[in-house]
Amino acid sequence: MLSSPMAVSPRGTKITFLARFWRGLVCASLLFAVLCSVTAAAEDARFFRIGTAATAGSFFEIGGIIASAISSPPGTPPCGHGGSCGVPGLLAVAQTTQGSLENLRLINNGQIDSGFAQADLAGWAYAGSNIFPDAGPMLKLRAIASLFPESLHLVVLADSPIHSVADLAGKKVALGEPGSGTIANTRVLLAGMNFGDSDLVRAYLPPAEAVEALKTGKIDAFFQVGVVPIPAISELAMTTPIRRGF
């Protein structure tokens, strides 16, 4: 989770889980933050925004749980008497964003108080390496906690001819939403598989739109980083036969 010393009004909703990496490659998921004090007097409300991702992903759901756990709005009964046991005076909200990449930038710039990010991306952002050289090191980031492992899922219809990443050649594939951790990890994977820009047709869609595009045949496959169960994939599987993971 990321945080900054700003006190801002809430916008958004819940958070979700980070997930295991492609083919079970486990990577730690971190909650990053810029150090700040979030303690407030009970009579003075303070807003604390947590950057998550799209509503159909895992970060969104978990963010809402965390926001509820740490909130204790002014005027509510005390802990142990029917009220919240969170930080007195704190109103935490889980804000929808494009995902890890946007969360890292927003936190480092002080535009939100905290947020979720994948461990590999957070490490690159802090060092200003890999996909972050142009932005320079994001030295205001701090880690709060490592939460859970995550996976990079490749989703196709059950009768799809795609049975491996190599089979994506010539196909139309949703790589994730711009600003998301999914798109960052997908690009690293495809580069490692020697896919060039013209080797497949690339689409950039949030999870819910990728699901609809797969169902209607507008794309052949989509990637999504998350921890099982990922809401978008679970909902798709309830109505449409799919294959997930190779």
Protein backbone atom coordinates (compact mmCIF):
# COMPACT_ATOMS: atom_id res chain seq x y z
CA MET A 1 0.00 0.00 0.00
CA LEU A 2 1.27 3.47 -0.75
CA SER A 3 0.64 6.60 1.23
CA SER A 4 1.41 10.29 1.36
CA PRO A 5 0.89 12.94 4.03
CA MET A 6 -2.06 14.46 2.15
CA ALA A 7 -5.52 14.61 3.73
CA VAL A 8 -7.94 14.33 0.84
CA SER A 9 -11.59 13.66 0.15
CA PRO A 10 -12.53 10.09 -0.77
CA ARG A 11 -13.22 8.91 -4.32
CA GLY A 12 -13.74 5.27 -5.13
CA THR A 13 -14.61 2.07 -3.41
CA LYS A 14 -12.86 -1.18 -2.63
CA ILE A 15 -9.55 -3.05 -3.21
CA THR A 16 -8.53 -6.49 -4.38
CA PHE A 17 -5.86 -9.17 -4.06
CA LEU A 18 -2.52 -9.42 -5.76
CA ALA A 19 -1.99 -12.84 -7.34
CA ARG A 20 0.53 -15.54 -8.21
CA PHE A 21 2.77 -15.16 -11.22
CA TRP A 22 2.52 -17.04 -14.57
CA ARG A 23 2.83 -20.85 -14.34
CA GLY A 24 2.88 -20.71 -10.56
CA LEU A 25 6.00 -18.57 -10.35
CA VAL A 26 5.49 -17.05 -6.91
CA CYS A 27 6.33 -13.43 -6.26
CA ALA A 28 5.62 -11.47 -3.12
CA SER A 29 2.96 -8.81 -3.34
CA LEU A 30 3.70 -5.68 -1.40
CA LEU A 31 1.67 -2.90 0.07
CA PHE A 32 3.74 0.25 -0.39
CA ALA A 33 3.56 3.60 1.35
CA VAL A 34 5.23 6.94 1.84
CA LEU A 35 5.74 7.28 5.58
CA CYS A 36 3.15 9.41 7.25
CA SER A 37 1.09 9.59 10.39
CA VAL A 38 -2.55 8.69 9.95
CA THR A 39 -3.55 9.12 13.58
CA ALA A 40 -6.18 11.76 14.10
CA ALA A 41 -8.13 13.07 17.03
CA ALA A 42 -11.52 11.45 17.27
CA GLU A 43 -13.28 14.74 16.60
CA ASP A 44 -11.24 15.56 13.45
CA ALA A 45 -12.03 13.42 10.42
CA ARG A 46 -9.09 12.51 8.20
CA PHE A 47 -9.50 10.84 4.82
CA PHE A 48 -7.05 8.13 3.76
CA ARG A 49 -7.23 6.96 0.13
CA ILE A 50 -6.06 3.51 -0.90
CA GLY A 51 -5.35 3.03 -4.63
CA THR A 52 -6.58 -0.32 -5.92
CA ALA A 53 -7.36 -1.28 -9.53
CA ALA A 54 -10.41 -2.03 -11.69
CA THR A 55 -13.55 -3.23 -9.91
CA ALA A 56 -13.38 -6.66 -11.58
CA GLY A 57 -9.89 -7.38 -10.24
CA SER A 58 -8.63 -8.67 -6.89
CA PHE A 59 -7.11 -5.45 -5.46
CA PHE A 60 -10.50 -3.77 -5.45
CA GLU A 61 -12.14 -6.29 -3.12
CA ILE A 62 -9.31 -6.47 -0.61
CA GLY A 63 -8.98 -2.69 -0.51
CA GLY A 64 -12.54 -2.36 0.69
CA ILE A 65 -11.90 -4.85 3.48
CA ILE A 66 -8.76 -3.03 4.61
CA ALA A 67 -10.43 0.38 4.39
CA SER A 68 -13.28 -0.83 6.57
CA ALA A 69 -10.90 -2.39 9.11
CA ILE A 70 -8.78 0.73 9.66
CA SER A 71 -11.63 3.29 9.63
CA SER A 72 -13.29 4.68 12.72
CA PRO A 73 -15.31 7.76 11.69
CA PRO A 74 -15.93 10.57 14.18
CA GLY A 75 -19.10 10.17 16.18
CA THR A 76 -19.26 6.37 15.98
CA PRO A 77 -19.43 4.19 19.11
CA PRO A 78 -16.09 3.15 20.59
CA CYS A 79 -14.47 -0.22 19.89
CA GLY A 80 -16.05 -2.84 22.13
CA HIS A 81 -19.36 -1.00 22.21
CA GLY A 82 -20.56 -1.72 18.69
CA GLY A 83 -18.22 0.67 16.91
CA SER A 84 -15.19 0.21 14.67
CA CYS A 85 -11.82 -0.67 16.18
CA GLY A 86 -9.94 1.27 13.50
CA VAL A 87 -7.92 4.49 13.82
CA PRO A 88 -10.02 7.11 15.66
CA GLY A 89 -11.20 9.82 13.27
CA LEU A 90 -9.93 8.02 10.16
CA LEU A 91 -12.13 7.56 7.09
CA ALA A 92 -10.32 5.18 4.72
CA VAL A 93 -11.65 4.60 1.20
CA ALA A 94 -10.56 2.16 -1.50
CA GLN A 95 -10.22 4.08 -4.76
CA THR A 96 -10.45 2.50 -8.19
CA THR A 97 -7.39 3.14 -10.37
CA GLN A 98 -5.75 1.57 -13.42
CA GLY A 99 -3.62 -0.59 -11.13
CA SER A 100 -0.07 -1.00 -9.87
CA LEU A 101 1.75 1.36 -12.25
CA GLU A 102 -0.68 4.20 -11.69
CA ASN A 103 -0.73 3.59 -7.93
CA LEU A 104 3.06 3.85 -7.73
CA ARG A 105 3.08 7.16 -9.59
CA LEU A 106 0.15 8.63 -7.67
CA ILE A 107 1.66 7.74 -4.30
CA ASN A 108 5.12 9.01 -5.18
CA ASN A 109 3.54 12.30 -6.34
CA GLY A 110 1.47 12.62 -3.16
CA GLN A 111 -1.85 12.38 -5.02
CA ILE A 112 -3.16 9.45 -2.97
CA ASP A 113 -2.21 8.25 0.48
CA SER A 114 -1.56 4.58 -0.19
CA GLY A 115 -2.08 1.79 -2.69
CA PHE A 116 -1.42 -1.75 -3.83
CA ALA A 117 1.44 -2.68 -6.15
CA GLN A 118 3.11 -5.86 -7.29
CA ALA A 119 6.45 -6.47 -5.61
CA ASP A 120 8.51 -6.59 -8.80
CA LEU A 121 7.03 -3.34 -10.11
CA ALA A 122 7.46 -1.58 -6.78
CA GLY A 123 11.11 -2.58 -6.67
CA TRP A 124 11.70 -1.32 -10.21
CA ALA A 125 9.89 1.93 -9.44
CA TYR A 126 11.96 2.64 -6.34
CA ALA A 127 15.20 1.94 -8.21
CA GLY A 128 14.11 3.67 -11.43
CA SER A 129 15.02 0.53 -13.39
CA ASN A 130 13.50 -1.81 -15.98
CA ILE A 131 10.28 -0.11 -17.18
CA PHE A 132 10.81 3.02 -15.05
CA PRO A 133 14.11 4.56 -16.26
CA ASP A 134 12.50 7.66 -17.78
CA ALA A 135 10.62 8.55 -14.59
CA GLY A 136 13.69 8.15 -12.39
CA PRO A 137 13.74 6.50 -8.95
CA MET A 138 10.52 6.91 -6.94
CA LEU A 139 12.30 7.40 -3.64
CA LYS A 140 9.22 8.44 -1.65
CA LEU A 141 7.80 4.91 -1.73
CA ARG A 142 7.85 2.79 1.42
CA ALA A 143 6.67 -0.78 2.01
CA ILE A 144 3.97 -1.38 4.61
CA ALA A 145 3.46 -5.13 4.21
CA SER A 146 3.80 -8.14 1.93
CA LEU A 147 0.27 -9.47 1.55
CA PHE A 148 -0.06 -12.46 -0.81
CA PRO A 149 1.40 -14.20 -3.88
CA GLU A 150 -0.16 -13.74 -7.32
CA SER A 151 -0.27 -15.31 -10.78
CA LEU A 152 -0.37 -14.03 -14.34
CA HIS A 153 -3.34 -15.84 -15.90
CA LEU A 154 -3.90 -16.39 -19.62
CA VAL A 155 -7.59 -16.98 -20.31
CA VAL A 156 -9.10 -18.49 -23.49
CA LEU A 157 -12.37 -20.16 -24.41
CA ALA A 158 -12.57 -23.91 -23.75
CA ASP A 159 -12.50 -24.77 -27.46
CA SER A 160 -9.70 -22.33 -28.32
CA PRO A 161 -6.75 -23.59 -30.40
CA ILE A 162 -4.45 -21.67 -28.03
CA HIS A 163 -2.72 -24.14 -25.69
CA SER A 164 0.47 -22.23 -24.87
CA VAL A 165 1.87 -18.72 -24.92
CA ALA A 166 3.58 -19.54 -28.22
CA ASP A 167 0.14 -20.14 -29.77
CA LEU A 168 -0.71 -16.44 -29.32
CA ALA A 169 1.18 -15.65 -32.54
CA GLY A 170 -1.18 -13.95 -34.97
CA LYS A 171 -4.01 -13.78 -32.42
CA LYS A 172 -5.75 -10.76 -30.91
CA VAL A 173 -4.89 -10.61 -27.22
CA ALA A 174 -5.83 -8.20 -24.41
CA LEU A 175 -2.66 -7.46 -22.45
CA GLY A 176 -4.28 -5.49 -19.64
CA GLU A 177 -5.30 -1.92 -18.93
CA PRO A 178 -2.73 0.89 -19.42
CA GLY A 179 -1.25 1.68 -16.01
CA SER A 180 -1.89 -1.81 -14.63
CA GLY A 181 0.51 -4.39 -13.29
CA THR A 182 -0.99 -6.90 -15.69
CA ILE A 183 0.22 -5.02 -18.74
CA ALA A 184 3.69 -4.60 -17.26
CA ASN A 185 4.09 -8.31 -16.49
CA THR A 186 2.56 -9.34 -19.82
CA ARG A 187 5.04 -7.24 -21.76
CA VAL A 188 7.94 -8.78 -19.85
CA LEU A 189 6.59 -12.27 -20.57
CA LEU A 190 6.08 -11.61 -24.29
CA ALA A 191 9.52 -10.03 -24.62
CA GLY A 192 11.00 -13.13 -22.98
CA MET A 193 9.17 -15.25 -25.55
CA ASN A 194 10.65 -13.10 -28.36
CA PHE A 195 7.28 -11.70 -29.47
CA GLY A 196 7.63 -8.51 -31.51
CA ASP A 197 4.99 -5.78 -31.81
CA SER A 198 3.67 -7.25 -35.06
CA ASP A 199 3.61 -10.90 -33.93
CA LEU A 200 0.16 -10.56 -32.37
CA VAL A 201 -2.65 -7.99 -32.32
CA ARG A 202 -2.53 -6.20 -28.98
CA ALA A 203 -5.57 -4.81 -27.18
CA TYR A 204 -5.49 -2.82 -23.94
CA LEU A 205 -8.62 -3.46 -21.88
CA PRO A 206 -9.63 -3.51 -18.21
CA PRO A 207 -10.78 -6.92 -16.91
CA ALA A 208 -14.54 -6.46 -17.40
CA GLU A 209 -14.11 -5.28 -21.00
CA ALA A 210 -11.65 -8.10 -21.74
CA VAL A 211 -14.21 -10.64 -20.51
CA GLU A 212 -16.93 -9.26 -22.79
CA ALA A 213 -14.53 -9.08 -25.75
CA LEU A 214 -13.56 -12.74 -25.27
CA LYS A 215 -17.21 -13.84 -25.02
CA THR A 216 -18.16 -12.01 -28.21
CA GLY A 217 -15.12 -13.13 -30.21
CA LYS A 218 -13.51 -9.71 -30.46
CA ILE A 219 -10.33 -11.08 -28.88
CA ASP A 220 -8.85 -14.59 -28.72
CA ALA A 221 -7.37 -14.40 -25.22
CA PHE A 222 -6.64 -12.06 -22.34
CA PHE A 223 -4.11 -11.81 -19.52
CA GLN A 224 -4.95 -10.92 -15.92
CA VAL A 225 -2.76 -10.75 -12.83
CA GLY A 226 -4.51 -11.67 -9.61
CA VAL A 227 -4.98 -14.12 -6.81
CA VAL A 228 -7.63 -16.81 -7.16
CA PRO A 229 -10.52 -16.19 -7.28
CA ILE A 230 -10.28 -13.20 -9.64
CA PRO A 231 -13.82 -11.75 -9.85
CA ALA A 232 -13.79 -11.14 -13.61
CA ILE A 233 -12.60 -14.66 -14.42
CA SER A 234 -14.91 -16.30 -11.88
CA GLU A 235 -17.94 -14.52 -13.32
CA LEU A 236 -16.89 -15.45 -16.87
CA ALA A 237 -16.54 -19.13 -15.92
CA MET A 238 -20.10 -19.18 -14.57
CA THR A 239 -21.57 -18.46 -18.00
CA THR A 240 -18.90 -19.43 -20.55
CA PRO A 241 -16.68 -22.54 -20.79
CA ILE A 242 -13.05 -21.40 -20.51
CA ARG A 243 -9.54 -22.74 -20.05
CA ARG A 244 -7.27 -20.94 -17.62
CA GLY A 245 -3.57 -21.60 -17.11
CA PHE A 246 -1.20 -23.76 -19.14
